[in-house]
């Protein structure tokens, strides 16, 4: 490598491996925790999630999640039941660019919530959960629902910077495609099942071509 060259933010081998794991999830959604763990490993995050946010109702449902901490399921339950409504960043979601990664600093600037680290959301949920910062991206926007990828870094880590945001930018389109493909395949499965049930109810014979 010459002095003029700069090292890549992530090796081609590591990036290709993680992208491969992401597309595996398009066929088998049960593999999302594996892919989320691999994605988080690229930036030192300890919690990865794909969640559906509804800003008008201030609610969140985690659809896929990975966490290195065995207590994550309890933290997720608390978030969905109580602290999602207290999250200060619901108001900026309709105005965020799709696939564009944000960290906590950028979300504070966009929302004007300079008191974020003093809010009950952070003091009572994020900080006790060991979370410090995040790479967050809106992947899909549908009416008032937003599919969001989040990779959360722990208290002991440095703040999320340009490198982590760029890695999120590289991953976002692949995660979006995998989610859309998976949803499409699920819909086709439902359609085939519906047709099969209808045919089973017919009393006369039919021939399909």
C-alpha atoms as a PDB file:
ATOM      1  CA  UNK A   1       0.000   0.000   0.000  1.00  0.00           C
ATOM      2  CA  UNK A   2       1.427   3.388  -0.953  1.00  0.00           C
ATOM      3  CA  UNK A   3       1.509   6.288   1.447  1.00  0.00           C
ATOM      4  CA  UNK A   4      -1.206   8.034  -0.586  1.00  0.00           C
ATOM      5  CA  UNK A   5      -3.614   5.144  -0.116  1.00  0.00           C
ATOM      6  CA  UNK A   6      -5.847   4.833   2.912  1.00  0.00           C
ATOM      7  CA  UNK A   7      -6.894   1.495   4.365  1.00  0.00           C
ATOM      8  CA  UNK A   8     -10.503   0.443   3.655  1.00  0.00           C
ATOM      9  CA  UNK A   9     -13.017   0.930   6.436  1.00  0.00           C
ATOM     10  CA  UNK A  10     -13.760  -2.806   6.274  1.00  0.00           C
ATOM     11  CA  UNK A  11     -12.058  -5.592   4.362  1.00  0.00           C
ATOM     12  CA  UNK A  12     -13.672  -6.893   1.190  1.00  0.00           C
ATOM     13  CA  UNK A  13     -13.681 -10.402   2.658  1.00  0.00           C
ATOM     14  CA  UNK A  14     -15.479  -9.356   5.837  1.00  0.00           C
ATOM     15  CA  UNK A  15     -18.007  -7.239   3.972  1.00  0.00           C
ATOM     16  CA  UNK A  16     -18.755 -10.012   1.454  1.00  0.00           C
ATOM     17  CA  UNK A  17     -19.196 -12.546   4.240  1.00  0.00           C
ATOM     18  CA  UNK A  18     -21.672 -10.341   6.106  1.00  0.00           C
ATOM     19  CA  UNK A  19     -23.637  -9.494   2.954  1.00  0.00           C
ATOM     20  CA  UNK A  20     -23.897 -13.213   2.198  1.00  0.00           C
ATOM     21  CA  UNK A  21     -25.358 -13.806   5.658  1.00  0.00           C
ATOM     22  CA  UNK A  22     -27.855 -10.979   5.103  1.00  0.00           C
ATOM     23  CA  UNK A  23     -29.182 -12.536   1.891  1.00  0.00           C
ATOM     24  CA  UNK A  24     -29.439 -15.940   3.578  1.00  0.00           C
ATOM     25  CA  UNK A  25     -32.125 -14.298   5.732  1.00  0.00           C
ATOM     26  CA  UNK A  26     -34.236 -13.554   2.657  1.00  0.00           C
ATOM     27  CA  UNK A  27     -34.846 -17.298   2.357  1.00  0.00           C
ATOM     28  CA  UNK A  28     -34.798 -18.173   6.049  1.00  0.00           C
ATOM     29  CA  UNK A  29     -35.794 -15.288   8.366  1.00  0.00           C
ATOM     30  CA  UNK A  30     -34.778 -17.358  11.390  1.00  0.00           C
ATOM     31  CA  UNK A  31     -31.169 -16.576  10.429  1.00  0.00           C
ATOM     32  CA  UNK A  32     -31.504 -12.842  11.168  1.00  0.00           C
ATOM     33  CA  UNK A  33     -29.824 -13.082  14.598  1.00  0.00           C
ATOM     34  CA  UNK A  34     -26.756 -14.567  12.892  1.00  0.00           C
ATOM     35  CA  UNK A  35     -26.654 -11.778  10.309  1.00  0.00           C
ATOM     36  CA  UNK A  36     -27.279  -9.078  12.913  1.00  0.00           C
ATOM     37  CA  UNK A  37     -24.435 -10.408  15.046  1.00  0.00           C
ATOM     38  CA  UNK A  38     -22.111 -10.301  12.026  1.00  0.00           C
ATOM     39  CA  UNK A  39     -23.198  -6.762  11.136  1.00  0.00           C
ATOM     40  CA  UNK A  40     -22.697  -5.582  14.695  1.00  0.00           C
ATOM     41  CA  UNK A  41     -19.261  -7.183  14.723  1.00  0.00           C
ATOM     42  CA  UNK A  42     -18.136  -4.787  11.987  1.00  0.00           C
ATOM     43  CA  UNK A  43     -18.628  -1.755  14.255  1.00  0.00           C
ATOM     44  CA  UNK A  44     -18.302  -3.220  17.756  1.00  0.00           C
ATOM     45  CA  UNK A  45     -22.031  -3.067  18.507  1.00  0.00           C
ATOM     46  CA  UNK A  46     -23.586  -5.351  21.116  1.00  0.00           C
ATOM     47  CA  UNK A  47     -27.248  -5.117  20.077  1.00  0.00           C
ATOM     48  CA  UNK A  48     -28.626  -5.404  16.568  1.00  0.00           C
ATOM     49  CA  UNK A  49     -32.271  -5.138  15.640  1.00  0.00           C
ATOM     50  CA  UNK A  50     -34.803  -4.736  12.897  1.00  0.00           C
ATOM     51  CA  UNK A  51     -37.830  -2.994  14.311  1.00  0.00           C
ATOM     52  CA  UNK A  52     -41.082  -1.424  13.144  1.00  0.00           C
ATOM     53  CA  UNK A  53     -41.736   2.041  14.593  1.00  0.00           C
ATOM     54  CA  UNK A  54     -45.062   3.863  14.574  1.00  0.00           C
ATOM     55  CA  UNK A  55     -44.292   7.481  15.491  1.00  0.00           C
ATOM     56  CA  UNK A  56     -47.944   8.573  15.664  1.00  0.00           C
ATOM     57  CA  UNK A  57     -48.646   5.937  18.311  1.00  0.00           C
ATOM     58  CA  UNK A  58     -45.106   6.172  19.733  1.00  0.00           C
ATOM     59  CA  UNK A  59     -44.807   2.406  19.634  1.00  0.00           C
ATOM     60  CA  UNK A  60     -42.148  -0.045  18.513  1.00  0.00           C
ATOM     61  CA  UNK A  61     -42.183  -3.741  17.779  1.00  0.00           C
ATOM     62  CA  UNK A  62     -38.901  -5.595  17.505  1.00  0.00           C
ATOM     63  CA  UNK A  63     -39.238  -8.150  14.709  1.00  0.00           C
ATOM     64  CA  UNK A  64     -35.648  -9.459  14.676  1.00  0.00           C
ATOM     65  CA  UNK A  65     -33.018  -8.988  17.315  1.00  0.00           C
ATOM     66  CA  UNK A  66     -29.566 -10.103  18.428  1.00  0.00           C
ATOM     67  CA  UNK A  67     -27.876  -9.176  21.679  1.00  0.00           C
ATOM     68  CA  UNK A  68     -24.682 -10.342  23.325  1.00  0.00           C
ATOM     69  CA  UNK A  69     -26.195  -9.664  26.741  1.00  0.00           C
ATOM     70  CA  UNK A  70     -28.458 -12.498  27.960  1.00  0.00           C
ATOM     71  CA  UNK A  71     -30.735  -9.877  29.538  1.00  0.00           C
ATOM     72  CA  UNK A  72     -31.599  -8.325  26.141  1.00  0.00           C
ATOM     73  CA  UNK A  73     -35.020 -10.014  25.899  1.00  0.00           C
ATOM     74  CA  UNK A  74     -36.045  -8.273  29.120  1.00  0.00           C
ATOM     75  CA  UNK A  75     -34.686  -4.918  27.909  1.00  0.00           C
ATOM     76  CA  UNK A  76     -36.579  -5.346  24.642  1.00  0.00           C
ATOM     77  CA  UNK A  77     -39.780  -6.156  26.531  1.00  0.00           C
ATOM     78  CA  UNK A  78     -39.408  -3.024  28.662  1.00  0.00           C
ATOM     79  CA  UNK A  79     -38.746  -0.936  25.570  1.00  0.00           C
ATOM     80  CA  UNK A  80     -41.844  -2.156  23.741  1.00  0.00           C
ATOM     81  CA  UNK A  81     -44.115  -1.913  26.774  1.00  0.00           C
ATOM     82  CA  UNK A  82     -42.956   1.401  28.265  1.00  0.00           C
ATOM     83  CA  UNK A  83     -39.924   3.192  26.898  1.00  0.00           C
ATOM     84  CA  UNK A  84     -40.775   3.234  23.183  1.00  0.00           C
ATOM     85  CA  UNK A  85     -43.357   5.900  24.019  1.00  0.00           C
ATOM     86  CA  UNK A  86     -40.632   7.946  25.750  1.00  0.00           C
ATOM     87  CA  UNK A  87     -38.100   7.805  22.907  1.00  0.00           C
ATOM     88  CA  UNK A  88     -37.344  11.437  21.969  1.00  0.00           C
ATOM     89  CA  UNK A  89     -36.724  10.829  18.263  1.00  0.00           C
ATOM     90  CA  UNK A  90     -40.152   9.790  16.962  1.00  0.00           C
ATOM     91  CA  UNK A  91     -40.752  13.251  15.502  1.00  0.00           C
ATOM     92  CA  UNK A  92     -37.807  13.150  13.093  1.00  0.00           C
ATOM     93  CA  UNK A  93     -38.616   9.778  11.505  1.00  0.00           C
ATOM     94  CA  UNK A  94     -40.936  11.109   8.775  1.00  0.00           C
ATOM     95  CA  UNK A  95     -38.169  13.457   7.627  1.00  0.00           C
ATOM     96  CA  UNK A  96     -35.173  11.120   7.665  1.00  0.00           C
ATOM     97  CA  UNK A  97     -33.696   9.969   4.362  1.00  0.00           C
ATOM     98  CA  UNK A  98     -34.101   6.292   3.607  1.00  0.00           C
ATOM     99  CA  UNK A  99     -30.949   4.169   4.016  1.00  0.00           C
ATOM    100  CA  UNK A 100     -29.033   7.133   5.444  1.00  0.00           C
ATOM    101  CA  UNK A 101     -27.359   6.188   8.737  1.00  0.00           C
ATOM    102  CA  UNK A 102     -27.703   8.371  11.814  1.00  0.00           C
ATOM    103  CA  UNK A 103     -25.956   8.246  15.156  1.00  0.00           C
ATOM    104  CA  UNK A 104     -27.210   9.667  18.433  1.00  0.00           C
ATOM    105  CA  UNK A 105     -25.431  12.987  17.878  1.00  0.00           C
ATOM    106  CA  UNK A 106     -27.115  13.501  14.501  1.00  0.00           C
ATOM    107  CA  UNK A 107     -30.529  12.568  15.898  1.00  0.00           C
ATOM    108  CA  UNK A 108     -30.079  15.012  18.782  1.00  0.00           C
ATOM    109  CA  UNK A 109     -29.261  17.787  16.302  1.00  0.00           C
ATOM    110  CA  UNK A 110     -32.238  16.909  14.085  1.00  0.00           C
ATOM    111  CA  UNK A 111     -34.693  16.755  16.987  1.00  0.00           C
ATOM    112  CA  UNK A 112     -33.289  19.594  19.083  1.00  0.00           C
ATOM    113  CA  UNK A 113     -33.284  17.290  22.119  1.00  0.00           C
ATOM    114  CA  UNK A 114     -30.056  18.506  23.671  1.00  0.00           C
ATOM    115  CA  UNK A 115     -31.265  17.034  26.960  1.00  0.00           C
ATOM    116  CA  UNK A 116     -31.317  13.493  25.535  1.00  0.00           C
ATOM    117  CA  UNK A 117     -28.802  12.070  28.020  1.00  0.00           C
ATOM    118  CA  UNK A 118     -30.944  13.386  30.886  1.00  0.00           C
ATOM    119  CA  UNK A 119     -34.256  11.993  29.620  1.00  0.00           C
ATOM    120  CA  UNK A 120     -36.021   9.059  31.352  1.00  0.00           C
ATOM    121  CA  UNK A 121     -35.580   7.128  28.094  1.00  0.00           C
ATOM    122  CA  UNK A 122     -31.809   7.253  28.412  1.00  0.00           C
ATOM    123  CA  UNK A 123     -31.443   7.299  32.199  1.00  0.00           C
ATOM    124  CA  UNK A 124     -33.987   4.546  32.902  1.00  0.00           C
ATOM    125  CA  UNK A 125     -33.624   2.324  29.839  1.00  0.00           C
ATOM    126  CA  UNK A 126     -30.641   2.899  27.530  1.00  0.00           C
ATOM    127  CA  UNK A 127     -27.999   3.535  30.177  1.00  0.00           C
ATOM    128  CA  UNK A 128     -29.026   0.614  32.442  1.00  0.00           C
ATOM    129  CA  UNK A 129     -29.107  -1.566  29.308  1.00  0.00           C
ATOM    130  CA  UNK A 130     -25.452  -0.653  28.722  1.00  0.00           C
ATOM    131  CA  UNK A 131     -26.122   1.311  25.525  1.00  0.00           C
ATOM    132  CA  UNK A 132     -24.263   4.453  24.502  1.00  0.00           C
ATOM    133  CA  UNK A 133     -24.689   5.173  20.801  1.00  0.00           C
ATOM    134  CA  UNK A 134     -26.269   3.708  17.674  1.00  0.00           C
ATOM    135  CA  UNK A 135     -26.085   3.402  13.916  1.00  0.00           C
ATOM    136  CA  UNK A 136     -29.733   3.699  12.925  1.00  0.00           C
ATOM    137  CA  UNK A 137     -31.271   3.641   9.439  1.00  0.00           C
ATOM    138  CA  UNK A 138     -34.821   3.776   8.135  1.00  0.00           C
ATOM    139  CA  UNK A 139     -35.017   1.066   5.479  1.00  0.00           C
ATOM    140  CA  UNK A 140     -38.697   1.089   4.534  1.00  0.00           C
ATOM    141  CA  UNK A 141     -41.311   3.818   4.967  1.00  0.00           C
ATOM    142  CA  UNK A 142     -44.944   2.773   4.632  1.00  0.00           C
ATOM    143  CA  UNK A 143     -47.656   5.253   5.571  1.00  0.00           C
ATOM    144  CA  UNK A 144     -46.938   5.816   9.275  1.00  0.00           C
ATOM    145  CA  UNK A 145     -44.732   2.780   9.829  1.00  0.00           C
ATOM    146  CA  UNK A 146     -40.984   2.704   9.541  1.00  0.00           C
ATOM    147  CA  UNK A 147     -38.759  -0.369   9.321  1.00  0.00           C
ATOM    148  CA  UNK A 148     -35.538   0.539  11.103  1.00  0.00           C
ATOM    149  CA  UNK A 149     -32.175  -1.203  11.345  1.00  0.00           C
ATOM    150  CA  UNK A 150     -30.315  -0.416  14.550  1.00  0.00           C
ATOM    151  CA  UNK A 151     -26.834  -1.380  15.703  1.00  0.00           C
ATOM    152  CA  UNK A 152     -26.225  -0.200  19.263  1.00  0.00           C
ATOM    153  CA  UNK A 153     -22.769   0.290  20.752  1.00  0.00           C
ATOM    154  CA  UNK A 154     -21.972  -0.269  24.442  1.00  0.00           C
ATOM    155  CA  UNK A 155     -21.059   2.187  27.180  1.00  0.00           C
ATOM    156  CA  UNK A 156     -17.345   1.419  26.991  1.00  0.00           C
ATOM    157  CA  UNK A 157     -17.050   2.069  23.253  1.00  0.00           C
ATOM    158  CA  UNK A 158     -16.108   5.277  21.487  1.00  0.00           C
ATOM    159  CA  UNK A 159     -18.922   7.367  20.063  1.00  0.00           C
ATOM    160  CA  UNK A 160     -20.132   6.325  16.617  1.00  0.00           C
ATOM    161  CA  UNK A 161     -18.173   8.198  13.958  1.00  0.00           C
ATOM    162  CA  UNK A 162     -17.749   8.401  10.173  1.00  0.00           C
ATOM    163  CA  UNK A 163     -16.351   4.865   9.871  1.00  0.00           C
ATOM    164  CA  UNK A 164     -19.329   3.232  11.590  1.00  0.00           C
ATOM    165  CA  UNK A 165     -21.796   5.389   9.655  1.00  0.00           C
ATOM    166  CA  UNK A 166     -20.173   4.442   6.357  1.00  0.00           C
ATOM    167  CA  UNK A 167     -20.350   0.738   7.207  1.00  0.00           C
ATOM    168  CA  UNK A 168     -24.044   1.206   7.951  1.00  0.00           C
ATOM    169  CA  UNK A 169     -24.435   2.919   4.583  1.00  0.00           C
ATOM    170  CA  UNK A 170     -22.824  -0.064   2.852  1.00  0.00           C
ATOM    171  CA  UNK A 171     -25.097  -2.569   4.619  1.00  0.00           C
ATOM    172  CA  UNK A 172     -28.426  -0.734   4.420  1.00  0.00           C
ATOM    173  CA  UNK A 173     -29.452  -1.546   0.804  1.00  0.00           C
ATOM    174  CA  UNK A 174     -28.684  -5.239   1.276  1.00  0.00           C
ATOM    175  CA  UNK A 175     -30.710  -5.461   4.484  1.00  0.00           C
ATOM    176  CA  UNK A 176     -33.591  -3.661   2.770  1.00  0.00           C
ATOM    177  CA  UNK A 177     -33.565  -6.072  -0.192  1.00  0.00           C
ATOM    178  CA  UNK A 178     -33.411  -9.103   2.088  1.00  0.00           C
ATOM    179  CA  UNK A 179     -36.378  -7.833   4.124  1.00  0.00           C
ATOM    180  CA  UNK A 180     -38.411  -7.097   0.979  1.00  0.00           C
ATOM    181  CA  UNK A 181     -37.582 -10.464  -0.609  1.00  0.00           C
ATOM    182  CA  UNK A 182     -38.501 -12.273   2.596  1.00  0.00           C
ATOM    183  CA  UNK A 183     -41.819 -10.413   2.813  1.00  0.00           C
ATOM    184  CA  UNK A 184     -42.547 -11.207  -0.834  1.00  0.00           C
ATOM    185  CA  UNK A 185     -41.820 -14.900  -0.335  1.00  0.00           C
ATOM    186  CA  UNK A 186     -44.002 -14.975   2.774  1.00  0.00           C
ATOM    187  CA  UNK A 187     -46.834 -13.380   0.811  1.00  0.00           C
ATOM    188  CA  UNK A 188     -46.480 -15.957  -1.967  1.00  0.00           C
ATOM    189  CA  UNK A 189     -46.545 -18.738   0.622  1.00  0.00           C
ATOM    190  CA  UNK A 190     -49.745 -17.304   2.062  1.00  0.00           C
ATOM    191  CA  UNK A 191     -51.277 -17.001  -1.403  1.00  0.00           C
ATOM    192  CA  UNK A 192     -50.403 -20.604  -2.292  1.00  0.00           C
ATOM    193  CA  UNK A 193     -51.799 -21.814   1.035  1.00  0.00           C
ATOM    194  CA  UNK A 194     -55.008 -19.856   0.465  1.00  0.00           C
ATOM    195  CA  UNK A 195     -55.480 -21.353  -3.016  1.00  0.00           C
ATOM    196  CA  UNK A 196     -54.774 -24.835  -1.668  1.00  0.00           C
ATOM    197  CA  UNK A 197     -57.385 -24.423   1.072  1.00  0.00           C
ATOM    198  CA  UNK A 198     -59.933 -23.193  -1.478  1.00  0.00           C
ATOM    199  CA  UNK A 199     -59.293 -26.167  -3.753  1.00  0.00           C
ATOM    200  CA  UNK A 200     -59.587 -28.573  -0.825  1.00  0.00           C
ATOM    201  CA  UNK A 201     -63.111 -27.270  -0.214  1.00  0.00           C
ATOM    202  CA  UNK A 202     -64.302 -27.916  -3.763  1.00  0.00           C
ATOM    203  CA  UNK A 203     -66.581 -30.942  -4.180  1.00  0.00           C
ATOM    204  CA  UNK A 204     -65.936 -31.295  -7.917  1.00  0.00           C
ATOM    205  CA  UNK A 205     -62.635 -32.169  -9.549  1.00  0.00           C
ATOM    206  CA  UNK A 206     -60.500 -29.471 -11.184  1.00  0.00           C
ATOM    207  CA  UNK A 207     -57.420 -29.570 -13.399  1.00  0.00           C
ATOM    208  CA  UNK A 208     -54.775 -26.829 -13.051  1.00  0.00           C
ATOM    209  CA  UNK A 209     -52.585 -25.891 -16.029  1.00  0.00           C
END
